[in-house]
Amino acid sequence: MSNNSNTLLAVIAGSAIGAALGILYAPDKGVNTRKKIAEQAAATKENIADTAIDLKDRVVNKVATEKQTLDTRVESLVSDVSYKTEDIINTLEAKLIQLKAKNKKLQKTS
């Protein structure tokens, strides 16, 4: 995403510089040249504003997507841990039964 925004920004900047240089070197009255420069500056400002809004929207969408992905991963992890916890409890209960049986045998022999 950074590469795309840098490329887009470079194209806009290059266009603005090229247009400004073309206007400055074109044979025209100063008033007309200044008017053209002002118009080009306004257009460039609008392009940059549009690009900034587009970039902001893409970042917001990317963050929202990443958050959803993270939420899904966390849910999956919690679910996995829950199953593992159940397995551990079952194993501990089985061991406890074995230990109680062993303890009963030891109590009878004493």
PDB file of N, CA and C in Angstrom:
ATOM      1  N   MET A   1       0.830  -1.175   0.000  1.00  0.00           N
ATOM      2  CA  MET A   1       0.000   0.000   0.000  1.00  0.00           C
ATOM      3  C   MET A   1       0.880   1.245   0.000  1.00  0.00           C
ATOM      4  N   SER A   2       1.963   1.255   0.723  1.00  0.00           N
ATOM      5  CA  SER A   2       2.869   2.389   0.794  1.00  0.00           C
ATOM      6  C   SER A   2       3.490   2.666  -0.567  1.00  0.00           C
ATOM      7  N   ASN A   3       3.824   1.605  -1.290  1.00  0.00           N
ATOM      8  CA  ASN A   3       4.403   1.749  -2.618  1.00  0.00           C
ATOM      9  C   ASN A   3       3.423   2.423  -3.558  1.00  0.00           C
ATOM     10  N   ASN A   4       2.152   2.009  -3.524  1.00  0.00           N
ATOM     11  CA  ASN A   4       1.136   2.592  -4.389  1.00  0.00           C
ATOM     12  C   ASN A   4       0.925   4.063  -4.079  1.00  0.00           C
ATOM     13  N   SER A   5       0.864   4.411  -2.805  1.00  0.00           N
ATOM     14  CA  SER A   5       0.634   5.800  -2.427  1.00  0.00           C
ATOM     15  C   SER A   5       1.842   6.662  -2.798  1.00  0.00           C
ATOM     16  N   ASN A   6       3.053   6.127  -2.644  1.00  0.00           N
ATOM     17  CA  ASN A   6       4.247   6.879  -3.037  1.00  0.00           C
ATOM     18  C   ASN A   6       4.269   7.106  -4.536  1.00  0.00           C
ATOM     19  N   THR A   7       3.903   6.093  -5.305  1.00  0.00           N
ATOM     20  CA  THR A   7       3.879   6.221  -6.760  1.00  0.00           C
ATOM     21  C   THR A   7       2.844   7.244  -7.180  1.00  0.00           C
ATOM     22  N   LEU A   8       1.649   7.161  -6.583  1.00  0.00           N
ATOM     23  CA  LEU A   8       0.586   8.103  -6.908  1.00  0.00           C
ATOM     24  C   LEU A   8       0.989   9.522  -6.550  1.00  0.00           C
ATOM     25  N   LEU A   9       1.600   9.688  -5.407  1.00  0.00           N
ATOM     26  CA  LEU A   9       2.055  11.013  -4.985  1.00  0.00           C
ATOM     27  C   LEU A   9       3.131  11.537  -5.932  1.00  0.00           C
ATOM     28  N   ALA A  10       4.026  10.677  -6.373  1.00  0.00           N
ATOM     29  CA  ALA A  10       5.081  11.083  -7.307  1.00  0.00           C
ATOM     30  C   ALA A  10       4.492  11.507  -8.641  1.00  0.00           C
ATOM     31  N   VAL A  11       3.484  10.790  -9.121  1.00  0.00           N
ATOM     32  CA  VAL A  11       2.838  11.149 -10.387  1.00  0.00           C
ATOM     33  C   VAL A  11       2.152  12.498 -10.274  1.00  0.00           C
ATOM     34  N   ILE A  12       1.444  12.717  -9.175  1.00  0.00           N
ATOM     35  CA  ILE A  12       0.757  13.999  -8.982  1.00  0.00           C
ATOM     36  C   ILE A  12       1.767  15.133  -8.895  1.00  0.00           C
ATOM     37  N   ALA A  13       2.827  14.927  -8.104  1.00  0.00           N
ATOM     38  CA  ALA A  13       3.848  15.969  -7.962  1.00  0.00           C
ATOM     39  C   ALA A  13       4.527  16.241  -9.296  1.00  0.00           C
ATOM     40  N   GLY A  14       4.839  15.186 -10.035  1.00  0.00           N
ATOM     41  CA  GLY A  14       5.475  15.355 -11.348  1.00  0.00           C
ATOM     42  C   GLY A  14       4.582  16.100 -12.316  1.00  0.00           C
ATOM     43  N   SER A  15       3.304  15.794 -12.285  1.00  0.00           N
ATOM     44  CA  SER A  15       2.349  16.483 -13.166  1.00  0.00           C
ATOM     45  C   SER A  15       2.275  17.967 -12.815  1.00  0.00           C
ATOM     46  N   ALA A  16       2.214  18.250 -11.527  1.00  0.00           N
ATOM     47  CA  ALA A  16       2.125  19.650 -11.100  1.00  0.00           C
ATOM     48  C   ALA A  16       3.385  20.425 -11.480  1.00  0.00           C
ATOM     49  N   ILE A  17       4.529  19.821 -11.266  1.00  0.00           N
ATOM     50  CA  ILE A  17       5.793  20.497 -11.599  1.00  0.00           C
ATOM     51  C   ILE A  17       5.899  20.689 -13.108  1.00  0.00           C
ATOM     52  N   GLY A  18       5.543  19.653 -13.858  1.00  0.00           N
ATOM     53  CA  GLY A  18       5.597  19.761 -15.319  1.00  0.00           C
ATOM     54  C   GLY A  18       4.665  20.826 -15.847  1.00  0.00           C
ATOM     55  N   ALA A  19       3.454  20.880 -15.309  1.00  0.00           N
ATOM     56  CA  ALA A  19       2.493  21.893 -15.752  1.00  0.00           C
ATOM     57  C   ALA A  19       2.990  23.292 -15.396  1.00  0.00           C
ATOM     58  N   ALA A  20       3.525  23.438 -14.187  1.00  0.00           N
ATOM     59  CA  ALA A  20       4.025  24.751 -13.764  1.00  0.00           C
ATOM     60  C   ALA A  20       5.189  25.204 -14.633  1.00  0.00           C
ATOM     61  N   LEU A  21       6.114  24.303 -14.917  1.00  0.00           N
ATOM     62  CA  LEU A  21       7.250  24.666 -15.776  1.00  0.00           C
ATOM     63  C   LEU A  21       6.788  24.995 -17.186  1.00  0.00           C
ATOM     64  N   GLY A  22       5.831  24.240 -17.706  1.00  0.00           N
ATOM     65  CA  GLY A  22       5.304  24.514 -19.043  1.00  0.00           C
ATOM     66  C   GLY A  22       4.658  25.877 -19.117  1.00  0.00           C
ATOM     67  N   ILE A  23       3.928  26.233 -18.084  1.00  0.00           N
ATOM     68  CA  ILE A  23       3.263  27.537 -18.064  1.00  0.00           C
ATOM     69  C   ILE A  23       4.292  28.661 -17.931  1.00  0.00           C
ATOM     70  N   LEU A  24       5.299  28.451 -17.099  1.00  0.00           N
ATOM     71  CA  LEU A  24       6.305  29.503 -16.877  1.00  0.00           C
ATOM     72  C   LEU A  24       7.118  29.790 -18.140  1.00  0.00           C
ATOM     73  N   TYR A  25       7.387  28.772 -18.928  1.00  0.00           N
ATOM     74  CA  TYR A  25       8.207  28.963 -20.127  1.00  0.00           C
ATOM     75  C   TYR A  25       7.385  29.257 -21.375  1.00  0.00           C
ATOM     76  N   ALA A  26       6.074  29.207 -21.275  1.00  0.00           N
ATOM     77  CA  ALA A  26       5.229  29.515 -22.431  1.00  0.00           C
ATOM     78  C   ALA A  26       5.154  31.033 -22.603  1.00  0.00           C
ATOM     79  N   PRO A  27       5.205  31.490 -23.850  1.00  0.00           N
ATOM     80  CA  PRO A  27       5.134  32.950 -24.066  1.00  0.00           C
ATOM     81  C   PRO A  27       3.685  33.430 -23.887  1.00  0.00           C
ATOM     82  N   ASP A  28       3.439  34.092 -22.791  1.00  0.00           N
ATOM     83  CA  ASP A  28       2.104  34.614 -22.507  1.00  0.00           C
ATOM     84  C   ASP A  28       2.265  35.796 -21.569  1.00  0.00           C
ATOM     85  N   LYS A  29       1.216  36.570 -21.402  1.00  0.00           N
ATOM     86  CA  LYS A  29       1.252  37.715 -20.494  1.00  0.00           C
ATOM     87  C   LYS A  29       1.372  37.215 -19.054  1.00  0.00           C
ATOM     88  N   GLY A  30       1.956  38.023 -18.215  1.00  0.00           N
ATOM     89  CA  GLY A  30       2.136  37.680 -16.807  1.00  0.00           C
ATOM     90  C   GLY A  30       0.822  37.396 -16.101  1.00  0.00           C
ATOM     91  N   VAL A  31      -0.205  38.186 -16.407  1.00  0.00           N
ATOM     92  CA  VAL A  31      -1.513  38.011 -15.786  1.00  0.00           C
ATOM     93  C   VAL A  31      -2.071  36.633 -16.138  1.00  0.00           C
ATOM     94  N   ASN A  32      -1.970  36.276 -17.406  1.00  0.00           N
ATOM     95  CA  ASN A  32      -2.476  34.975 -17.846  1.00  0.00           C
ATOM     96  C   ASN A  32      -1.664  33.833 -17.228  1.00  0.00           C
ATOM     97  N   THR A  33      -0.360  34.028 -17.165  1.00  0.00           N
ATOM     98  CA  THR A  33       0.503  32.986 -16.593  1.00  0.00           C
ATOM     99  C   THR A  33       0.172  32.774 -15.121  1.00  0.00           C
ATOM    100  N   ARG A  34       0.009  33.882 -14.381  1.00  0.00           N
ATOM    101  CA  ARG A  34      -0.335  33.766 -12.954  1.00  0.00           C
ATOM    102  C   ARG A  34      -1.701  33.104 -12.769  1.00  0.00           C
ATOM    103  N   LYS A  35      -2.641  33.442 -13.662  1.00  0.00           N
ATOM    104  CA  LYS A  35      -3.963  32.830 -13.593  1.00  0.00           C
ATOM    105  C   LYS A  35      -3.866  31.324 -13.840  1.00  0.00           C
ATOM    106  N   LYS A  36      -3.077  30.931 -14.840  1.00  0.00           N
ATOM    107  CA  LYS A  36      -2.899  29.508 -15.135  1.00  0.00           C
ATOM    108  C   LYS A  36      -2.227  28.780 -13.966  1.00  0.00           C
ATOM    109  N   ILE A  37      -1.235  29.435 -13.366  1.00  0.00           N
ATOM    110  CA  ILE A  37      -0.551  28.829 -12.215  1.00  0.00           C
ATOM    111  C   ILE A  37      -1.529  28.656 -11.059  1.00  0.00           C
ATOM    112  N   ALA A  38      -2.355  29.661 -10.801  1.00  0.00           N
ATOM    113  CA  ALA A  38      -3.332  29.578  -9.713  1.00  0.00           C
ATOM    114  C   ALA A  38      -4.335  28.455  -9.981  1.00  0.00           C
ATOM    115  N   GLU A  39      -4.788  28.345 -11.232  1.00  0.00           N
ATOM    116  CA  GLU A  39      -5.736  27.278 -11.587  1.00  0.00           C
ATOM    117  C   GLU A  39      -5.091  25.900 -11.405  1.00  0.00           C
ATOM    118  N   GLN A  40      -3.843  25.790 -11.865  1.00  0.00           N
ATOM    119  CA  GLN A  40      -3.145  24.515 -11.738  1.00  0.00           C
ATOM    120  C   GLN A  40      -2.889  24.177 -10.274  1.00  0.00           C
ATOM    121  N   ALA A  41      -2.564  25.179  -9.470  1.00  0.00           N
ATOM    122  CA  ALA A  41      -2.348  24.952  -8.040  1.00  0.00           C
ATOM    123  C   ALA A  41      -3.643  24.484  -7.372  1.00  0.00           C
ATOM    124  N   ALA A  42      -4.766  25.085  -7.755  1.00  0.00           N
ATOM    125  CA  ALA A  42      -6.055  24.679  -7.186  1.00  0.00           C
ATOM    126  C   ALA A  42      -6.383  23.241  -7.585  1.00  0.00           C
ATOM    127  N   ALA A  43      -6.127  22.903  -8.851  1.00  0.00           N
ATOM    128  CA  ALA A  43      -6.398  21.539  -9.321  1.00  0.00           C
ATOM    129  C   ALA A  43      -5.499  20.535  -8.602  1.00  0.00           C
ATOM    130  N   THR A  44      -4.238  20.898  -8.432  1.00  0.00           N
ATOM    131  CA  THR A  44      -3.299  20.019  -7.733  1.00  0.00           C
ATOM    132  C   THR A  44      -3.710  19.846  -6.278  1.00  0.00           C
ATOM    133  N   LYS A  45      -4.130  20.940  -5.655  1.00  0.00           N
ATOM    134  CA  LYS A  45      -4.600  20.869  -4.268  1.00  0.00           C
ATOM    135  C   LYS A  45      -5.792  19.916  -4.159  1.00  0.00           C
ATOM    136  N   GLU A  46      -6.708  20.009  -5.108  1.00  0.00           N
ATOM    137  CA  GLU A  46      -7.884  19.130  -5.109  1.00  0.00           C
ATOM    138  C   GLU A  46      -7.463  17.672  -5.324  1.00  0.00           C
ATOM    139  N   ASN A  47      -6.522  17.446  -6.236  1.00  0.00           N
ATOM    140  CA  ASN A  47      -6.026  16.077  -6.474  1.00  0.00           C
ATOM    141  C   ASN A  47      -5.375  15.500  -5.220  1.00  0.00           C
ATOM    142  N   ILE A  48      -4.586  16.314  -4.552  1.00  0.00           N
ATOM    143  CA  ILE A  48      -3.908  15.852  -3.338  1.00  0.00           C
ATOM    144  C   ILE A  48      -4.940  15.555  -2.245  1.00  0.00           C
ATOM    145  N   ALA A  49      -5.953  16.405  -2.131  1.00  0.00           N
ATOM    146  CA  ALA A  49      -7.003  16.168  -1.129  1.00  0.00           C
ATOM    147  C   ALA A  49      -7.739  14.867  -1.435  1.00  0.00           C
ATOM    148  N   ASP A  50      -8.061  14.646  -2.717  1.00  0.00           N
ATOM    149  CA  ASP A  50      -8.741  13.407  -3.109  1.00  0.00           C
ATOM    150  C   ASP A  50      -7.864  12.192  -2.822  1.00  0.00           C
ATOM    151  N   THR A  51      -6.577  12.319  -3.121  1.00  0.00           N
ATOM    152  CA  THR A  51      -5.645  11.224  -2.877  1.00  0.00           C
ATOM    153  C   THR A  51      -5.533  10.939  -1.378  1.00  0.00           C
ATOM    154  N   ALA A  52      -5.494  11.980  -0.573  1.00  0.00           N
ATOM    155  CA  ALA A  52      -5.409  11.808   0.878  1.00  0.00           C
ATOM    156  C   ALA A  52      -6.662  11.114   1.411  1.00  0.00           C
ATOM    157  N   ILE A  53      -7.819  11.504   0.905  1.00  0.00           N
ATOM    158  CA  ILE A  53      -9.069  10.868   1.339  1.00  0.00           C
ATOM    159  C   ILE A  53      -9.078   9.404   0.929  1.00  0.00           C
ATOM    160  N   ASP A  54      -8.661   9.133  -0.312  1.00  0.00           N
ATOM    161  CA  ASP A  54      -8.608   7.752  -0.795  1.00  0.00           C
ATOM    162  C   ASP A  54      -7.640   6.919   0.047  1.00  0.00           C
ATOM    163  N   LEU A  55      -6.484   7.476   0.337  1.00  0.00           N
ATOM    164  CA  LEU A  55      -5.490   6.777   1.145  1.00  0.00           C
ATOM    165  C   LEU A  55      -6.020   6.508   2.551  1.00  0.00           C
ATOM    166  N   LYS A  56      -6.683   7.503   3.132  1.00  0.00           N
ATOM    167  CA  LYS A  56      -7.275   7.325   4.464  1.00  0.00           C
ATOM    168  C   LYS A  56      -8.313   6.212   4.449  1.00  0.00           C
ATOM    169  N   ASP A  57      -9.157   6.210   3.432  1.00  0.00           N
ATOM    170  CA  ASP A  57     -10.183   5.159   3.329  1.00  0.00           C
ATOM    171  C   ASP A  57      -9.556   3.776   3.193  1.00  0.00           C
ATOM    172  N   ARG A  58      -8.491   3.680   2.390  1.00  0.00           N
ATOM    173  CA  ARG A  58      -7.828   2.385   2.236  1.00  0.00           C
ATOM    174  C   ARG A  58      -7.193   1.928   3.544  1.00  0.00           C
ATOM    175  N   VAL A  59      -6.600   2.860   4.281  1.00  0.00           N
ATOM    176  CA  VAL A  59      -5.984   2.505   5.565  1.00  0.00           C
ATOM    177  C   VAL A  59      -7.058   2.054   6.555  1.00  0.00           C
ATOM    178  N   VAL A  60      -8.165   2.782   6.605  1.00  0.00           N
ATOM    179  CA  VAL A  60      -9.256   2.413   7.513  1.00  0.00           C
ATOM    180  C   VAL A  60      -9.792   1.028   7.164  1.00  0.00           C
ATOM    181  N   ASN A  61      -9.985   0.772   5.872  1.00  0.00           N
ATOM    182  CA  ASN A  61     -10.474  -0.548   5.449  1.00  0.00           C
ATOM    183  C   ASN A  61      -9.475  -1.645   5.798  1.00  0.00           C
ATOM    184  N   LYS A  62      -8.190  -1.369   5.591  1.00  0.00           N
ATOM    185  CA  LYS A  62      -7.149  -2.353   5.896  1.00  0.00           C
ATOM    186  C   LYS A  62      -7.135  -2.650   7.400  1.00  0.00           C
ATOM    187  N   VAL A  63      -7.229  -1.610   8.208  1.00  0.00           N
ATOM    188  CA  VAL A  63      -7.227  -1.796   9.664  1.00  0.00           C
ATOM    189  C   VAL A  63      -8.464  -2.588  10.092  1.00  0.00           C
ATOM    190  N   ALA A  64      -9.620  -2.283   9.505  1.00  0.00           N
ATOM    191  CA  ALA A  64     -10.847  -3.008   9.850  1.00  0.00           C
ATOM    192  C   ALA A  64     -10.717  -4.480   9.471  1.00  0.00           C
ATOM    193  N   THR A  65     -10.147  -4.740   8.297  1.00  0.00           N
ATOM    194  CA  THR A  65      -9.957  -6.120   7.857  1.00  0.00           C
ATOM    195  C   THR A  65      -9.000  -6.850   8.784  1.00  0.00           C
ATOM    196  N   GLU A  66      -7.905  -6.193   9.143  1.00  0.00           N
ATOM    197  CA  GLU A  66      -6.933  -6.805  10.049  1.00  0.00           C
ATOM    198  C   GLU A  66      -7.556  -7.066  11.419  1.00  0.00           C
ATOM    199  N   LYS A  67      -8.406  -6.151  11.877  1.00  0.00           N
ATOM    200  CA  LYS A  67      -9.070  -6.329  13.175  1.00  0.00           C
ATOM    201  C   LYS A  67     -10.002  -7.536  13.116  1.00  0.00           C
ATOM    202  N   GLN A  68     -10.742  -7.674  12.022  1.00  0.00           N
ATOM    203  CA  GLN A  68     -11.627  -8.827  11.885  1.00  0.00           C
ATOM    204  C   GLN A  68     -10.817 -10.120  11.865  1.00  0.00           C
ATOM    205  N   THR A  69      -9.704 -10.099  11.150  1.00  0.00           N
ATOM    206  CA  THR A  69      -8.845 -11.278  11.091  1.00  0.00           C
ATOM    207  C   THR A  69      -8.313 -11.604  12.488  1.00  0.00           C
ATOM    208  N   LEU A  70      -7.883 -10.596  13.210  1.00  0.00           N
ATOM    209  CA  LEU A  70      -7.374 -10.800  14.568  1.00  0.00           C
ATOM    210  C   LEU A  70      -8.480 -11.330  15.480  1.00  0.00           C
ATOM    211  N   ASP A  71      -9.679 -10.747  15.376  1.00  0.00           N
ATOM    212  CA  ASP A  71     -10.802 -11.221  16.188  1.00  0.00           C
ATOM    213  C   ASP A  71     -11.105 -12.692  15.900  1.00  0.00           C
ATOM    214  N   THR A  72     -11.068 -13.063  14.633  1.00  0.00           N
ATOM    215  CA  THR A  72     -11.323 -14.454  14.248  1.00  0.00           C
ATOM    216  C   THR A  72     -10.246 -15.360  14.821  1.00  0.00           C
ATOM    217  N   ARG A  73      -9.010 -14.941  14.751  1.00  0.00           N
ATOM    218  CA  ARG A  73      -7.906 -15.737  15.299  1.00  0.00           C
ATOM    219  C   ARG A  73      -8.033 -15.893  16.806  1.00  0.00           C
ATOM    220  N   VAL A  74      -8.398 -14.826  17.485  1.00  0.00           N
ATOM    221  CA  VAL A  74      -8.556 -14.884  18.943  1.00  0.00           C
ATOM    222  C   VAL A  74      -9.692 -15.837  19.302  1.00  0.00           C
ATOM    223  N   GLU A  75     -10.818 -15.737  18.579  1.00  0.00           N
ATOM    224  CA  GLU A  75     -11.932 -16.656  18.831  1.00  0.00           C
ATOM    225  C   GLU A  75     -11.500 -18.098  18.628  1.00  0.00           C
ATOM    226  N   SER A  76     -10.769 -18.355  17.568  1.00  0.00           N
ATOM    227  CA  SER A  76     -10.290 -19.708  17.282  1.00  0.00           C
ATOM    228  C   SER A  76      -9.358 -20.192  18.390  1.00  0.00           C
ATOM    229  N   LEU A  77      -8.473 -19.317  18.832  1.00  0.00           N
ATOM    230  CA  LEU A  77      -7.539 -19.669  19.905  1.00  0.00           C
ATOM    231  C   LEU A  77      -8.275 -19.976  21.202  1.00  0.00           C
ATOM    232  N   VAL A  78      -9.248 -19.154  21.538  1.00  0.00           N
ATOM    233  CA  VAL A  78     -10.032 -19.377  22.756  1.00  0.00           C
ATOM    234  C   VAL A  78     -10.770 -20.707  22.664  1.00  0.00           C
ATOM    235  N   SER A  79     -11.330 -20.991  21.489  1.00  0.00           N
ATOM    236  CA  SER A  79     -12.029 -22.257  21.292  1.00  0.00           C
ATOM    237  C   SER A  79     -11.073 -23.441  21.447  1.00  0.00           C
ATOM    238  N   ASP A  80      -9.892 -23.336  20.834  1.00  0.00           N
ATOM    239  CA  ASP A  80      -8.892 -24.404  20.945  1.00  0.00           C
ATOM    240  C   ASP A  80      -8.470 -24.611  22.396  1.00  0.00           C
ATOM    241  N   VAL A  81      -8.242 -23.514  23.102  1.00  0.00           N
ATOM    242  CA  VAL A  81      -7.838 -23.601  24.509  1.00  0.00           C
ATOM    243  C   VAL A  81      -8.940 -24.258  25.325  1.00  0.00           C
ATOM    244  N   SER A  82     -10.188 -23.926  25.009  1.00  0.00           N
ATOM    245  CA  SER A  82     -11.307 -24.521  25.732  1.00  0.00           C
ATOM    246  C   SER A  82     -11.321 -26.037  25.553  1.00  0.00           C
ATOM    247  N   TYR A  83     -11.112 -26.495  24.316  1.00  0.00           N
ATOM    248  CA  TYR A  83     -11.066 -27.943  24.073  1.00  0.00           C
ATOM    249  C   TYR A  83      -9.870 -28.580  24.783  1.00  0.00           C
ATOM    250  N   LYS A  84      -8.730 -27.927  24.727  1.00  0.00           N
ATOM    251  CA  LYS A  84      -7.537 -28.451  25.399  1.00  0.00           C
ATOM    252  C   LYS A  84      -7.766 -28.516  26.903  1.00  0.00           C
ATOM    253  N   THR A  85      -8.397 -27.496  27.443  1.00  0.00           N
ATOM    254  CA  THR A  85      -8.683 -27.482  28.875  1.00  0.00           C
ATOM    255  C   THR A  85      -9.581 -28.663  29.240  1.00  0.00           C
ATOM    256  N   GLU A  86     -10.571 -28.915  28.422  1.00  0.00           N
ATOM    257  CA  GLU A  86     -11.465 -30.052  28.659  1.00  0.00           C
ATOM    258  C   GLU A  86     -10.685 -31.364  28.624  1.00  0.00           C
ATOM    259  N   ASP A  87      -9.759 -31.494  27.680  1.00  0.00           N
ATOM    260  CA  ASP A  87      -8.918 -32.697  27.603  1.00  0.00           C
ATOM    261  C   ASP A  87      -8.067 -32.855  28.869  1.00  0.00           C
ATOM    262  N   ILE A  88      -7.505 -31.758  29.331  1.00  0.00           N
ATOM    263  CA  ILE A  88      -6.668 -31.803  30.537  1.00  0.00           C
ATOM    264  C   ILE A  88      -7.504 -32.197  31.750  1.00  0.00           C
ATOM    265  N   ILE A  89      -8.694 -31.622  31.866  1.00  0.00           N
ATOM    266  CA  ILE A  89      -9.573 -31.965  32.986  1.00  0.00           C
ATOM    267  C   ILE A  89      -9.921 -33.442  32.951  1.00  0.00           C
ATOM    268  N   ASN A  90     -10.256 -33.962  31.775  1.00  0.00           N
ATOM    269  CA  ASN A  90     -10.587 -35.391  31.653  1.00  0.00           C
ATOM    270  C   ASN A  90      -9.400 -36.262  32.041  1.00  0.00           C
ATOM    271  N   THR A  91      -8.199 -35.873  31.606  1.00  0.00           N
ATOM    272  CA  THR A  91      -6.998 -36.631  31.958  1.00  0.00           C
ATOM    273  C   THR A  91      -6.760 -36.588  33.466  1.00  0.00           C
ATOM    274  N   LEU A  92      -6.899 -35.425  34.067  1.00  0.00           N
ATOM    275  CA  LEU A  92      -6.712 -35.299  35.518  1.00  0.00           C
ATOM    276  C   LEU A  92      -7.753 -36.099  36.291  1.00  0.00           C
ATOM    277  N   GLU A  93      -8.996 -36.095  35.809  1.00  0.00           N
ATOM    278  CA  GLU A  93     -10.027 -36.881  36.482  1.00  0.00           C
ATOM    279  C   GLU A  93      -9.717 -38.377  36.405  1.00  0.00           C
ATOM    280  N   ALA A  94      -9.228 -38.833  35.234  1.00  0.00           N
ATOM    281  CA  ALA A  94      -8.857 -40.242  35.088  1.00  0.00           C
ATOM    282  C   ALA A  94      -7.712 -40.582  36.037  1.00  0.00           C
ATOM    283  N   LYS A  95      -6.709 -39.703  36.129  1.00  0.00           N
ATOM    284  CA  LYS A  95      -5.588 -39.926  37.057  1.00  0.00           C
ATOM    285  C   LYS A  95      -6.078 -39.960  38.501  1.00  0.00           C
ATOM    286  N   LEU A  96      -7.012 -39.071  38.807  1.00  0.00           N
ATOM    287  CA  LEU A  96      -7.556 -39.025  40.171  1.00  0.00           C
ATOM    288  C   LEU A  96      -8.266 -40.340  40.507  1.00  0.00           C
ATOM    289  N   ILE A  97      -9.006 -40.859  39.576  1.00  0.00           N
ATOM    290  CA  ILE A  97      -9.673 -42.149  39.787  1.00  0.00           C
ATOM    291  C   ILE A  97      -8.632 -43.236  40.033  1.00  0.00           C
ATOM    292  N   GLN A  98      -7.564 -43.233  39.224  1.00  0.00           N
ATOM    293  CA  GLN A  98      -6.493 -44.225  39.408  1.00  0.00           C
ATOM    294  C   GLN A  98      -5.841 -44.084  40.782  1.00  0.00           C
ATOM    295  N   LEU A  99      -5.565 -42.845  41.177  1.00  0.00           N
ATOM    296  CA  LEU A  99      -4.936 -42.605  42.478  1.00  0.00           C
ATOM    297  C   LEU A  99      -5.851 -43.016  43.630  1.00  0.00           C
ATOM    298  N   LYS A 100      -7.158 -42.763  43.494  1.00  0.00           N
ATOM    299  CA  LYS A 100      -8.098 -43.173  44.546  1.00  0.00           C
ATOM    300  C   LYS A 100      -8.134 -44.696  44.662  1.00  0.00           C
ATOM    301  N   ALA A 101      -8.131 -45.374  43.505  1.00  0.00           N
ATOM    302  CA  ALA A 101      -8.136 -46.843  43.522  1.00  0.00           C
ATOM    303  C   ALA A 101      -6.853 -47.361  44.166  1.00  0.00           C
ATOM    304  N   LYS A 102      -5.721 -46.784  43.831  1.00  0.00           N
ATOM    305  CA  LYS A 102      -4.433 -47.178  44.398  1.00  0.00           C
ATOM    306  C   LYS A 102      -4.422 -46.926  45.907  1.00  0.00           C
ATOM    307  N   ASN A 103      -4.962 -45.779  46.302  1.00  0.00           N
ATOM    308  CA  ASN A 103      -5.016 -45.424  47.712  1.00  0.00           C
ATOM    309  C   ASN A 103      -5.902 -46.399  48.487  1.00  0.00           C
ATOM    310  N   LYS A 104      -7.009 -46.832  47.885  1.00  0.00           N
ATOM    311  CA  LYS A 104      -7.899 -47.808  48.536  1.00  0.00           C
ATOM    312  C   LYS A 104      -7.161 -49.116  48.785  1.00  0.00           C
ATOM    313  N   LYS A 105      -6.404 -49.553  47.783  1.00  0.00           N
ATOM    314  CA  LYS A 105      -5.618 -50.785  47.930  1.00  0.00           C
ATOM    315  C   LYS A 105      -4.606 -50.647  49.048  1.00  0.00           C
ATOM    316  N   LEU A 106      -3.945 -49.493  49.112  1.00  0.00           N
ATOM    317  CA  LEU A 106      -2.951 -49.271  50.161  1.00  0.00           C
ATOM    318  C   LEU A 106      -3.598 -49.235  51.537  1.00  0.00           C
ATOM    319  N   GLN A 107      -4.806 -48.681  51.640  1.00  0.00           N
ATOM    320  CA  GLN A 107      -5.495 -48.617  52.935  1.00  0.00           C
ATOM    321  C   GLN A 107      -5.925 -50.011  53.401  1.00  0.00           C
ATOM    322  N   LYS A 108      -6.296 -50.897  52.477  1.00  0.00           N
ATOM    323  CA  LYS A 108      -6.715 -52.250  52.836  1.00  0.00           C
ATOM    324  C   LYS A 108      -5.547 -53.086  53.304  1.00  0.00           C
ATOM    325  N   THR A 109      -4.375 -52.859  52.737  1.00  0.00           N
ATOM    326  CA  THR A 109      -3.218 -53.645  53.115  1.00  0.00           C
ATOM    327  C   THR A 109      -2.606 -53.176  54.417  1.00  0.00           C
ATOM    328  N   SER A 110      -2.898 -52.056  54.861  1.00  0.00           N
ATOM    329  CA  SER A 110      -2.298 -51.532  56.091  1.00  0.00           C
ATOM    330  C   SER A 110      -2.928 -52.058  57.329  1.00  0.00           C
TER     331      SER A 110
END
